[in-house]
């Protein structure tokens, strides 16, 4: 009879086999995710094959120069590339911007608006729920603006607010030790109150941006500058009010906008979506799920308050 292995040896052998199995499963999992990553990268780089003659480019959520992985938003660089792609496509006769956004950063806003200005085809902006502040700035770059009568638009203003915790530190006997090289290097820190001089510096920047906003709307909408200035309180207008004030051209949505394009360009409108393709991991994690944006939403960072057209 064969000699039976000691119990300790059998346990060790079983444990060793289990560890080997776990190692193989781990390797297999890594291989699967690596393969999916490669396939996702290849898929995202492939051009869309859909056909049509009216490119529909969505501008949703907060507009920034970089997309946020945790909430829906618009990456200005992605939009600029889509605009260029649609403009170079000979089959595309017009570009429609489907807008539902409270605005965004000045640089991102200007980047998209300038890209629209360079288009040599008919452009039309359609404001759905919201087309305010930076999103409205972008809309004015188009040849024509449609807005739902109950939509929220306008909000011609600039914001840069933040919280200050200097008083809280004092209450808890905590000292903010200021060590800087450069008079204004810590301008905007949350750990002390902003001086009147520092606040005026920021206010000057905001006023300059506001003035640029007013000028842009005046030129794009062909409105008297003083009229736009009077409307540029930072507050919003319903679509129906915006129509009466000359801030938008017509009331309606994509259906009405496409009908206008058919009549103007003598075509049968065939809309085709132009969007950045989502990667597998974006779909899996749900990072592109809908997010709710409040009007007047601001952004802050660890140092100076961010300036936004929202």
C-alpha atoms as a PDB file:
ATOM      1  CA  UNK A   1       0.000   0.000   0.000  1.00  0.00           C
ATOM      2  CA  UNK A   2       1.264   3.487  -0.859  1.00  0.00           C
ATOM      3  CA  UNK A   3       2.294   5.516   2.101  1.00  0.00           C
ATOM      4  CA  UNK A   4      -0.230   8.213   2.963  1.00  0.00           C
ATOM      5  CA  UNK A   5       1.059  11.789   2.916  1.00  0.00           C
ATOM      6  CA  UNK A   6       1.163  13.542   6.255  1.00  0.00           C
ATOM      7  CA  UNK A   7      -1.802  15.795   6.939  1.00  0.00           C
ATOM      8  CA  UNK A   8       0.386  18.890   7.061  1.00  0.00           C
ATOM      9  CA  UNK A   9       1.805  18.068   3.611  1.00  0.00           C
ATOM     10  CA  UNK A  10      -1.682  17.619   2.162  1.00  0.00           C
ATOM     11  CA  UNK A  11      -2.856  20.935   3.612  1.00  0.00           C
ATOM     12  CA  UNK A  12       0.245  22.683   2.284  1.00  0.00           C
ATOM     13  CA  UNK A  13      -0.278  21.141  -1.161  1.00  0.00           C
ATOM     14  CA  UNK A  14      -3.928  22.174  -1.255  1.00  0.00           C
ATOM     15  CA  UNK A  15      -3.063  25.695  -0.115  1.00  0.00           C
ATOM     16  CA  UNK A  16      -0.344  25.923  -2.744  1.00  0.00           C
ATOM     17  CA  UNK A  17      -2.771  24.816  -5.473  1.00  0.00           C
ATOM     18  CA  UNK A  18      -5.321  27.392  -4.277  1.00  0.00           C
ATOM     19  CA  UNK A  19      -2.731  30.182  -4.366  1.00  0.00           C
ATOM     20  CA  UNK A  20      -1.671  29.116  -7.853  1.00  0.00           C
ATOM     21  CA  UNK A  21      -5.306  29.197  -8.968  1.00  0.00           C
ATOM     22  CA  UNK A  22      -5.748  32.705  -7.553  1.00  0.00           C
ATOM     23  CA  UNK A  23      -2.596  33.827  -9.335  1.00  0.00           C
ATOM     24  CA  UNK A  24      -3.836  32.456 -12.645  1.00  0.00           C
ATOM     25  CA  UNK A  25      -7.212  34.137 -12.173  1.00  0.00           C
ATOM     26  CA  UNK A  26      -5.488  37.440 -11.415  1.00  0.00           C
ATOM     27  CA  UNK A  27      -3.353  37.126 -14.546  1.00  0.00           C
ATOM     28  CA  UNK A  28      -6.438  36.307 -16.601  1.00  0.00           C
ATOM     29  CA  UNK A  29      -8.299  39.323 -15.205  1.00  0.00           C
ATOM     30  CA  UNK A  30      -5.382  41.622 -16.016  1.00  0.00           C
ATOM     31  CA  UNK A  31      -5.244  40.191 -19.546  1.00  0.00           C
ATOM     32  CA  UNK A  32      -8.982  40.749 -20.059  1.00  0.00           C
ATOM     33  CA  UNK A  33      -8.869  44.369 -18.868  1.00  0.00           C
ATOM     34  CA  UNK A  34      -5.765  45.085 -20.925  1.00  0.00           C
ATOM     35  CA  UNK A  35      -7.462  43.649 -24.018  1.00  0.00           C
ATOM     36  CA  UNK A  36     -10.589  45.713 -23.361  1.00  0.00           C
ATOM     37  CA  UNK A  37      -8.431  48.812 -22.896  1.00  0.00           C
ATOM     38  CA  UNK A  38      -6.748  48.283 -26.275  1.00  0.00           C
ATOM     39  CA  UNK A  39     -10.077  47.630 -28.009  1.00  0.00           C
ATOM     40  CA  UNK A  40     -11.590  50.697 -26.344  1.00  0.00           C
ATOM     41  CA  UNK A  41      -8.706  52.899 -27.479  1.00  0.00           C
ATOM     42  CA  UNK A  42      -8.994  51.602 -31.030  1.00  0.00           C
ATOM     43  CA  UNK A  43     -12.775  52.084 -31.062  1.00  0.00           C
ATOM     44  CA  UNK A  44     -12.557  55.656 -29.759  1.00  0.00           C
ATOM     45  CA  UNK A  45     -10.103  56.568 -32.513  1.00  0.00           C
ATOM     46  CA  UNK A  46     -12.290  55.205 -35.312  1.00  0.00           C
ATOM     47  CA  UNK A  47     -14.269  57.832 -37.256  1.00  0.00           C
ATOM     48  CA  UNK A  48     -18.055  57.769 -37.182  1.00  0.00           C
ATOM     49  CA  UNK A  49     -19.572  56.280 -40.335  1.00  0.00           C
ATOM     50  CA  UNK A  50     -23.076  57.749 -39.959  1.00  0.00           C
ATOM     51  CA  UNK A  51     -24.314  59.783 -42.920  1.00  0.00           C
ATOM     52  CA  UNK A  52     -26.299  63.006 -43.014  1.00  0.00           C
ATOM     53  CA  UNK A  53     -26.148  66.617 -44.140  1.00  0.00           C
ATOM     54  CA  UNK A  54     -26.724  68.485 -40.853  1.00  0.00           C
ATOM     55  CA  UNK A  55     -24.145  67.886 -38.133  1.00  0.00           C
ATOM     56  CA  UNK A  56     -25.622  68.038 -34.622  1.00  0.00           C
ATOM     57  CA  UNK A  57     -23.023  68.865 -31.971  1.00  0.00           C
ATOM     58  CA  UNK A  58     -24.189  68.766 -28.323  1.00  0.00           C
ATOM     59  CA  UNK A  59     -22.928  71.270 -25.757  1.00  0.00           C
ATOM     60  CA  UNK A  60     -24.089  69.982 -22.387  1.00  0.00           C
ATOM     61  CA  UNK A  61     -23.194  70.655 -18.778  1.00  0.00           C
ATOM     62  CA  UNK A  62     -20.300  72.731 -17.551  1.00  0.00           C
ATOM     63  CA  UNK A  63     -17.978  73.888 -20.343  1.00  0.00           C
ATOM     64  CA  UNK A  64     -14.273  73.542 -19.574  1.00  0.00           C
ATOM     65  CA  UNK A  65     -10.957  72.996 -21.314  1.00  0.00           C
ATOM     66  CA  UNK A  66     -10.799  69.514 -19.791  1.00  0.00           C
ATOM     67  CA  UNK A  67     -13.673  67.102 -19.264  1.00  0.00           C
ATOM     68  CA  UNK A  68     -14.537  65.987 -15.740  1.00  0.00           C
ATOM     69  CA  UNK A  69     -14.602  62.222 -15.156  1.00  0.00           C
ATOM     70  CA  UNK A  70     -17.235  62.471 -12.438  1.00  0.00           C
ATOM     71  CA  UNK A  71     -19.933  64.621 -13.970  1.00  0.00           C
ATOM     72  CA  UNK A  72     -21.298  65.362 -17.374  1.00  0.00           C
ATOM     73  CA  UNK A  73     -19.700  68.306 -19.107  1.00  0.00           C
ATOM     74  CA  UNK A  74     -18.277  69.630 -22.362  1.00  0.00           C
ATOM     75  CA  UNK A  75     -14.596  69.564 -23.266  1.00  0.00           C
ATOM     76  CA  UNK A  76     -13.910  72.609 -25.460  1.00  0.00           C
ATOM     77  CA  UNK A  77     -11.059  70.890 -27.300  1.00  0.00           C
ATOM     78  CA  UNK A  78     -13.329  67.968 -28.218  1.00  0.00           C
ATOM     79  CA  UNK A  79     -15.983  70.370 -29.517  1.00  0.00           C
ATOM     80  CA  UNK A  80     -13.425  72.344 -31.546  1.00  0.00           C
ATOM     81  CA  UNK A  81     -12.243  69.115 -33.180  1.00  0.00           C
ATOM     82  CA  UNK A  82     -15.811  68.033 -33.964  1.00  0.00           C
ATOM     83  CA  UNK A  83     -16.505  71.452 -35.491  1.00  0.00           C
ATOM     84  CA  UNK A  84     -13.435  71.165 -37.703  1.00  0.00           C
ATOM     85  CA  UNK A  85     -14.394  67.625 -38.739  1.00  0.00           C
ATOM     86  CA  UNK A  86     -17.934  68.679 -39.655  1.00  0.00           C
ATOM     87  CA  UNK A  87     -16.703  71.776 -41.485  1.00  0.00           C
ATOM     88  CA  UNK A  88     -14.341  69.706 -43.625  1.00  0.00           C
ATOM     89  CA  UNK A  89     -17.010  67.120 -44.490  1.00  0.00           C
ATOM     90  CA  UNK A  90     -18.399  68.055 -47.910  1.00  0.00           C
ATOM     91  CA  UNK A  91     -21.646  66.188 -47.190  1.00  0.00           C
ATOM     92  CA  UNK A  92     -22.395  68.473 -44.235  1.00  0.00           C
ATOM     93  CA  UNK A  93     -24.317  71.570 -45.333  1.00  0.00           C
ATOM     94  CA  UNK A  94     -25.016  73.069 -41.882  1.00  0.00           C
ATOM     95  CA  UNK A  95     -24.027  72.611 -38.247  1.00  0.00           C
ATOM     96  CA  UNK A  96     -26.559  72.679 -35.423  1.00  0.00           C
ATOM     97  CA  UNK A  97     -25.409  73.194 -31.842  1.00  0.00           C
ATOM     98  CA  UNK A  98     -27.735  71.486 -29.360  1.00  0.00           C
ATOM     99  CA  UNK A  99     -27.187  73.516 -26.179  1.00  0.00           C
ATOM    100  CA  UNK A 100     -28.155  72.642 -22.618  1.00  0.00           C
ATOM    101  CA  UNK A 101     -25.538  74.274 -20.401  1.00  0.00           C
ATOM    102  CA  UNK A 102     -25.241  76.887 -17.626  1.00  0.00           C
ATOM    103  CA  UNK A 103     -21.887  78.099 -18.988  1.00  0.00           C
ATOM    104  CA  UNK A 104     -18.268  77.469 -18.124  1.00  0.00           C
ATOM    105  CA  UNK A 105     -14.778  78.925 -18.045  1.00  0.00           C
ATOM    106  CA  UNK A 106     -13.840  81.968 -20.163  1.00  0.00           C
ATOM    107  CA  UNK A 107     -11.081  80.174 -22.102  1.00  0.00           C
ATOM    108  CA  UNK A 108     -13.237  77.151 -22.966  1.00  0.00           C
ATOM    109  CA  UNK A 109     -16.129  79.402 -23.962  1.00  0.00           C
ATOM    110  CA  UNK A 110     -13.970  81.554 -26.212  1.00  0.00           C
ATOM    111  CA  UNK A 111     -12.323  78.499 -27.791  1.00  0.00           C
ATOM    112  CA  UNK A 112     -15.664  77.104 -28.949  1.00  0.00           C
ATOM    113  CA  UNK A 113     -17.044  80.494 -30.001  1.00  0.00           C
ATOM    114  CA  UNK A 114     -13.961  81.210 -32.124  1.00  0.00           C
ATOM    115  CA  UNK A 115     -14.187  77.774 -33.738  1.00  0.00           C
ATOM    116  CA  UNK A 116     -17.803  78.493 -34.712  1.00  0.00           C
ATOM    117  CA  UNK A 117     -16.793  81.836 -36.181  1.00  0.00           C
ATOM    118  CA  UNK A 118     -14.350  80.075 -38.514  1.00  0.00           C
ATOM    119  CA  UNK A 119     -16.999  77.778 -40.004  1.00  0.00           C
ATOM    120  CA  UNK A 120     -17.815  78.485 -43.660  1.00  0.00           C
ATOM    121  CA  UNK A 121     -21.213  76.793 -43.443  1.00  0.00           C
ATOM    122  CA  UNK A 122     -24.572  77.758 -41.981  1.00  0.00           C
ATOM    123  CA  UNK A 123     -24.591  77.476 -38.194  1.00  0.00           C
ATOM    124  CA  UNK A 124     -27.584  77.427 -35.905  1.00  0.00           C
ATOM    125  CA  UNK A 125     -27.818  77.210 -32.108  1.00  0.00           C
ATOM    126  CA  UNK A 126     -30.758  75.552 -30.366  1.00  0.00           C
ATOM    127  CA  UNK A 127     -31.193  76.245 -26.651  1.00  0.00           C
ATOM    128  CA  UNK A 128     -33.123  73.546 -24.798  1.00  0.00           C
ATOM    129  CA  UNK A 129     -33.474  73.715 -21.017  1.00  0.00           C
ATOM    130  CA  UNK A 130     -30.593  76.110 -20.414  1.00  0.00           C
ATOM    131  CA  UNK A 131     -28.272  78.229 -22.534  1.00  0.00           C
ATOM    132  CA  UNK A 132     -26.930  80.731 -20.048  1.00  0.00           C
ATOM    133  CA  UNK A 133     -23.772  82.778 -19.549  1.00  0.00           C
ATOM    134  CA  UNK A 134     -20.857  81.117 -21.388  1.00  0.00           C
ATOM    135  CA  UNK A 135     -23.288  78.820 -23.221  1.00  0.00           C
ATOM    136  CA  UNK A 136     -25.213  81.866 -24.428  1.00  0.00           C
ATOM    137  CA  UNK A 137     -21.933  83.511 -25.504  1.00  0.00           C
ATOM    138  CA  UNK A 138     -21.300  80.431 -27.652  1.00  0.00           C
ATOM    139  CA  UNK A 139     -24.829  80.538 -29.064  1.00  0.00           C
ATOM    140  CA  UNK A 140     -24.370  84.129 -30.238  1.00  0.00           C
ATOM    141  CA  UNK A 141     -21.480  82.991 -32.456  1.00  0.00           C
ATOM    142  CA  UNK A 142     -23.954  81.025 -34.608  1.00  0.00           C
ATOM    143  CA  UNK A 143     -25.844  82.557 -37.536  1.00  0.00           C
ATOM    144  CA  UNK A 144     -29.209  82.040 -35.839  1.00  0.00           C
ATOM    145  CA  UNK A 145     -30.495  81.137 -32.363  1.00  0.00           C
ATOM    146  CA  UNK A 146     -33.609  79.119 -31.551  1.00  0.00           C
ATOM    147  CA  UNK A 147     -34.770  78.747 -27.951  1.00  0.00           C
ATOM    148  CA  UNK A 148     -37.626  76.979 -26.245  1.00  0.00           C
ATOM    149  CA  UNK A 149     -40.053  79.573 -24.914  1.00  0.00           C
ATOM    150  CA  UNK A 150     -39.609  78.185 -21.386  1.00  0.00           C
ATOM    151  CA  UNK A 151     -35.840  77.828 -21.598  1.00  0.00           C
ATOM    152  CA  UNK A 152     -33.428  79.831 -19.448  1.00  0.00           C
ATOM    153  CA  UNK A 153     -30.930  81.975 -21.311  1.00  0.00           C
ATOM    154  CA  UNK A 154     -28.968  85.211 -21.061  1.00  0.00           C
ATOM    155  CA  UNK A 155     -27.169  85.557 -17.717  1.00  0.00           C
ATOM    156  CA  UNK A 156     -24.589  87.899 -19.231  1.00  0.00           C
ATOM    157  CA  UNK A 157     -22.174  88.078 -16.334  1.00  0.00           C
ATOM    158  CA  UNK A 158     -19.034  86.701 -14.703  1.00  0.00           C
ATOM    159  CA  UNK A 159     -18.534  85.132 -11.276  1.00  0.00           C
ATOM    160  CA  UNK A 160     -15.568  84.385  -9.044  1.00  0.00           C
ATOM    161  CA  UNK A 161     -16.670  83.681  -5.476  1.00  0.00           C
ATOM    162  CA  UNK A 162     -15.143  81.620  -2.713  1.00  0.00           C
ATOM    163  CA  UNK A 163     -15.330  80.761   0.988  1.00  0.00           C
ATOM    164  CA  UNK A 164     -12.918  82.242   3.542  1.00  0.00           C
ATOM    165  CA  UNK A 165     -11.944  80.428   6.733  1.00  0.00           C
ATOM    166  CA  UNK A 166      -9.813  83.065   8.431  1.00  0.00           C
ATOM    167  CA  UNK A 167     -12.365  83.657  11.185  1.00  0.00           C
ATOM    168  CA  UNK A 168     -12.692  79.925  11.810  1.00  0.00           C
ATOM    169  CA  UNK A 169      -8.937  79.605  12.265  1.00  0.00           C
ATOM    170  CA  UNK A 170      -9.006  82.450  14.804  1.00  0.00           C
ATOM    171  CA  UNK A 171     -11.820  80.791  16.745  1.00  0.00           C
ATOM    172  CA  UNK A 172      -9.730  77.639  17.103  1.00  0.00           C
ATOM    173  CA  UNK A 173      -6.468  79.473  17.799  1.00  0.00           C
ATOM    174  CA  UNK A 174      -4.903  78.341  14.517  1.00  0.00           C
ATOM    175  CA  UNK A 175      -2.401  80.627  12.821  1.00  0.00           C
ATOM    176  CA  UNK A 176      -2.033  81.138   9.077  1.00  0.00           C
ATOM    177  CA  UNK A 177       1.691  81.784   8.660  1.00  0.00           C
ATOM    178  CA  UNK A 178       2.121  83.863   5.489  1.00  0.00           C
ATOM    179  CA  UNK A 179       5.360  83.035   3.671  1.00  0.00           C
ATOM    180  CA  UNK A 180       5.462  84.362   0.117  1.00  0.00           C
ATOM    181  CA  UNK A 181       7.888  85.748  -2.423  1.00  0.00           C
ATOM    182  CA  UNK A 182       5.820  88.188  -4.415  1.00  0.00           C
ATOM    183  CA  UNK A 183       3.312  90.631  -2.997  1.00  0.00           C
ATOM    184  CA  UNK A 184       0.232  88.904  -4.366  1.00  0.00           C
ATOM    185  CA  UNK A 185       1.443  85.287  -4.450  1.00  0.00           C
ATOM    186  CA  UNK A 186      -1.163  84.064  -1.953  1.00  0.00           C
ATOM    187  CA  UNK A 187      -3.892  86.338  -3.250  1.00  0.00           C
ATOM    188  CA  UNK A 188      -7.129  84.424  -3.001  1.00  0.00           C
ATOM    189  CA  UNK A 189      -6.108  81.997  -0.263  1.00  0.00           C
ATOM    190  CA  UNK A 190      -9.048  80.821   1.839  1.00  0.00           C
ATOM    191  CA  UNK A 191      -7.099  81.046   5.087  1.00  0.00           C
ATOM    192  CA  UNK A 192      -7.320  84.824   5.506  1.00  0.00           C
ATOM    193  CA  UNK A 193      -9.633  87.634   4.499  1.00  0.00           C
ATOM    194  CA  UNK A 194      -8.923  89.266   1.144  1.00  0.00           C
ATOM    195  CA  UNK A 195      -7.737  92.859   1.479  1.00  0.00           C
ATOM    196  CA  UNK A 196      -9.657  95.657  -0.233  1.00  0.00           C
ATOM    197  CA  UNK A 197      -6.721  96.102  -2.641  1.00  0.00           C
ATOM    198  CA  UNK A 198      -6.731  92.404  -3.557  1.00  0.00           C
ATOM    199  CA  UNK A 199     -10.489  92.381  -4.011  1.00  0.00           C
ATOM    200  CA  UNK A 200     -10.231  95.351  -6.361  1.00  0.00           C
ATOM    201  CA  UNK A 201      -7.640  93.505  -8.455  1.00  0.00           C
ATOM    202  CA  UNK A 202     -10.052  90.615  -8.921  1.00  0.00           C
ATOM    203  CA  UNK A 203     -12.947  92.959  -9.550  1.00  0.00           C
ATOM    204  CA  UNK A 204     -10.983  94.636 -12.344  1.00  0.00           C
ATOM    205  CA  UNK A 205     -10.501  91.283 -14.056  1.00  0.00           C
ATOM    206  CA  UNK A 206     -14.206  90.474 -13.703  1.00  0.00           C
ATOM    207  CA  UNK A 207     -15.207  93.886 -15.054  1.00  0.00           C
ATOM    208  CA  UNK A 208     -12.900  93.466 -18.064  1.00  0.00           C
ATOM    209  CA  UNK A 209     -14.361  90.032 -18.838  1.00  0.00           C
ATOM    210  CA  UNK A 210     -17.884  91.379 -18.396  1.00  0.00           C
ATOM    211  CA  UNK A 211     -17.114  94.223 -20.781  1.00  0.00           C
ATOM    212  CA  UNK A 212     -15.781  91.721 -23.337  1.00  0.00           C
ATOM    213  CA  UNK A 213     -18.933  89.625 -22.916  1.00  0.00           C
ATOM    214  CA  UNK A 214     -21.145  92.663 -23.551  1.00  0.00           C
ATOM    215  CA  UNK A 215     -19.131  93.668 -26.619  1.00  0.00           C
ATOM    216  CA  UNK A 216     -19.272  90.149 -28.059  1.00  0.00           C
ATOM    217  CA  UNK A 217     -23.042  89.856 -27.630  1.00  0.00           C
ATOM    218  CA  UNK A 218     -23.529  93.332 -29.108  1.00  0.00           C
ATOM    219  CA  UNK A 219     -21.468  92.494 -32.194  1.00  0.00           C
ATOM    220  CA  UNK A 220     -22.785  88.967 -32.719  1.00  0.00           C
ATOM    221  CA  UNK A 221     -26.431  89.890 -32.192  1.00  0.00           C
ATOM    222  CA  UNK A 222     -26.132  93.268 -33.939  1.00  0.00           C
ATOM    223  CA  UNK A 223     -27.609  95.054 -30.934  1.00  0.00           C
ATOM    224  CA  UNK A 224     -26.759  98.472 -29.545  1.00  0.00           C
ATOM    225  CA  UNK A 225     -24.041  98.103 -26.938  1.00  0.00           C
ATOM    226  CA  UNK A 226     -25.916 100.212 -24.391  1.00  0.00           C
ATOM    227  CA  UNK A 227     -28.960  97.958 -24.766  1.00  0.00           C
ATOM    228  CA  UNK A 228     -26.882  94.841 -24.121  1.00  0.00           C
ATOM    229  CA  UNK A 229     -25.179  96.558 -21.184  1.00  0.00           C
ATOM    230  CA  UNK A 230     -28.573  97.280 -19.642  1.00  0.00           C
ATOM    231  CA  UNK A 231     -29.526  93.606 -20.047  1.00  0.00           C
ATOM    232  CA  UNK A 232     -26.173  92.325 -18.720  1.00  0.00           C
ATOM    233  CA  UNK A 233     -27.139  92.151 -15.057  1.00  0.00           C
ATOM    234  CA  UNK A 234     -26.112  88.509 -14.771  1.00  0.00           C
ATOM    235  CA  UNK A 235     -29.754  87.480 -14.370  1.00  0.00           C
ATOM    236  CA  UNK A 236     -31.486  85.075 -16.738  1.00  0.00           C
ATOM    237  CA  UNK A 237     -34.386  85.462 -19.152  1.00  0.00           C
ATOM    238  CA  UNK A 238     -37.006  83.007 -20.301  1.00  0.00           C
ATOM    239  CA  UNK A 239     -36.831  82.118 -23.972  1.00  0.00           C
ATOM    240  CA  UNK A 240     -39.977  84.122 -24.677  1.00  0.00           C
ATOM    241  CA  UNK A 241     -38.451  87.214 -23.001  1.00  0.00           C
ATOM    242  CA  UNK A 242     -35.154  86.699 -24.815  1.00  0.00           C
ATOM    243  CA  UNK A 243     -37.011  86.685 -28.132  1.00  0.00           C
ATOM    244  CA  UNK A 244     -38.662  90.033 -27.353  1.00  0.00           C
ATOM    245  CA  UNK A 245     -35.329  91.517 -26.268  1.00  0.00           C
ATOM    246  CA  UNK A 246     -33.498  90.343 -29.390  1.00  0.00           C
ATOM    247  CA  UNK A 247     -31.241  87.916 -27.549  1.00  0.00           C
ATOM    248  CA  UNK A 248     -32.556  85.002 -29.628  1.00  0.00           C
ATOM    249  CA  UNK A 249     -34.073  84.913 -33.104  1.00  0.00           C
ATOM    250  CA  UNK A 250     -36.896  82.389 -32.928  1.00  0.00           C
ATOM    251  CA  UNK A 251     -38.802  80.253 -30.442  1.00  0.00           C
ATOM    252  CA  UNK A 252     -38.677  76.503 -30.962  1.00  0.00           C
ATOM    253  CA  UNK A 253     -36.385  73.519 -30.879  1.00  0.00           C
ATOM    254  CA  UNK A 254     -34.485  71.234 -33.235  1.00  0.00           C
ATOM    255  CA  UNK A 255     -37.579  70.463 -35.284  1.00  0.00           C
ATOM    256  CA  UNK A 256     -38.142  74.122 -36.115  1.00  0.00           C
ATOM    257  CA  UNK A 257     -34.423  74.719 -36.662  1.00  0.00           C
ATOM    258  CA  UNK A 258     -34.167  71.834 -39.138  1.00  0.00           C
ATOM    259  CA  UNK A 259     -37.237  73.098 -40.994  1.00  0.00           C
ATOM    260  CA  UNK A 260     -35.591  76.516 -41.270  1.00  0.00           C
ATOM    261  CA  UNK A 261     -32.442  74.923 -42.697  1.00  0.00           C
ATOM    262  CA  UNK A 262     -34.492  73.008 -45.261  1.00  0.00           C
ATOM    263  CA  UNK A 263     -36.191  76.182 -46.448  1.00  0.00           C
ATOM    264  CA  UNK A 264     -33.016  78.272 -46.419  1.00  0.00           C
ATOM    265  CA  UNK A 265     -30.617  75.762 -47.977  1.00  0.00           C
ATOM    266  CA  UNK A 266     -33.189  73.984 -50.158  1.00  0.00           C
ATOM    267  CA  UNK A 267     -32.292  70.582 -48.745  1.00  0.00           C
ATOM    268  CA  UNK A 268     -34.008  67.687 -46.985  1.00  0.00           C
ATOM    269  CA  UNK A 269     -32.426  67.890 -43.553  1.00  0.00           C
ATOM    270  CA  UNK A 270     -30.791  64.653 -42.439  1.00  0.00           C
ATOM    271  CA  UNK A 271     -29.312  65.267 -38.970  1.00  0.00           C
ATOM    272  CA  UNK A 272     -26.296  63.243 -37.886  1.00  0.00           C
ATOM    273  CA  UNK A 273     -24.865  63.315 -34.376  1.00  0.00           C
ATOM    274  CA  UNK A 274     -21.263  64.425 -34.022  1.00  0.00           C
ATOM    275  CA  UNK A 275     -20.012  63.344 -30.600  1.00  0.00           C
ATOM    276  CA  UNK A 276     -16.801  62.115 -29.082  1.00  0.00           C
ATOM    277  CA  UNK A 277     -17.123  58.360 -28.807  1.00  0.00           C
ATOM    278  CA  UNK A 278     -17.288  57.056 -25.245  1.00  0.00           C
ATOM    279  CA  UNK A 279     -14.674  54.546 -24.140  1.00  0.00           C
ATOM    280  CA  UNK A 280     -15.570  51.205 -22.618  1.00  0.00           C
ATOM    281  CA  UNK A 281     -14.462  52.360 -19.184  1.00  0.00           C
ATOM    282  CA  UNK A 282     -16.567  55.524 -19.379  1.00  0.00           C
ATOM    283  CA  UNK A 283     -19.604  53.407 -20.209  1.00  0.00           C
ATOM    284  CA  UNK A 284     -18.746  50.895 -17.473  1.00  0.00           C
ATOM    285  CA  UNK A 285     -18.248  53.414 -14.702  1.00  0.00           C
ATOM    286  CA  UNK A 286     -21.170  55.575 -15.721  1.00  0.00           C
ATOM    287  CA  UNK A 287     -19.115  58.743 -15.663  1.00  0.00           C
ATOM    288  CA  UNK A 288     -21.123  60.080 -18.554  1.00  0.00           C
ATOM    289  CA  UNK A 289     -24.440  59.808 -16.705  1.00  0.00           C
ATOM    290  CA  UNK A 290     -26.601  62.921 -16.464  1.00  0.00           C
ATOM    291  CA  UNK A 291     -25.706  65.428 -13.765  1.00  0.00           C
ATOM    292  CA  UNK A 292     -27.767  68.336 -12.473  1.00  0.00           C
ATOM    293  CA  UNK A 293     -26.329  71.806 -12.799  1.00  0.00           C
ATOM    294  CA  UNK A 294     -27.747  74.770 -10.861  1.00  0.00           C
ATOM    295  CA  UNK A 295     -27.818  78.217 -12.392  1.00  0.00           C
ATOM    296  CA  UNK A 296     -25.005  80.356 -11.106  1.00  0.00           C
ATOM    297  CA  UNK A 297     -22.856  77.341 -10.256  1.00  0.00           C
ATOM    298  CA  UNK A 298     -19.290  78.384  -9.443  1.00  0.00           C
ATOM    299  CA  UNK A 299     -16.044  76.499  -9.227  1.00  0.00           C
ATOM    300  CA  UNK A 300     -13.328  76.860  -6.616  1.00  0.00           C
ATOM    301  CA  UNK A 301      -9.828  75.473  -6.235  1.00  0.00           C
ATOM    302  CA  UNK A 302      -7.280  75.273  -3.472  1.00  0.00           C
ATOM    303  CA  UNK A 303      -5.910  78.764  -4.066  1.00  0.00           C
ATOM    304  CA  UNK A 304      -7.418  81.643  -6.022  1.00  0.00           C
ATOM    305  CA  UNK A 305     -11.138  81.581  -6.832  1.00  0.00           C
ATOM    306  CA  UNK A 306     -11.812  80.408 -10.355  1.00  0.00           C
ATOM    307  CA  UNK A 307     -13.495  82.776 -12.793  1.00  0.00           C
ATOM    308  CA  UNK A 308     -16.470  81.301 -14.626  1.00  0.00           C
ATOM    309  CA  UNK A 309     -19.115  82.446 -17.065  1.00  0.00           C
ATOM    310  CA  UNK A 310     -21.937  80.700 -15.202  1.00  0.00           C
END
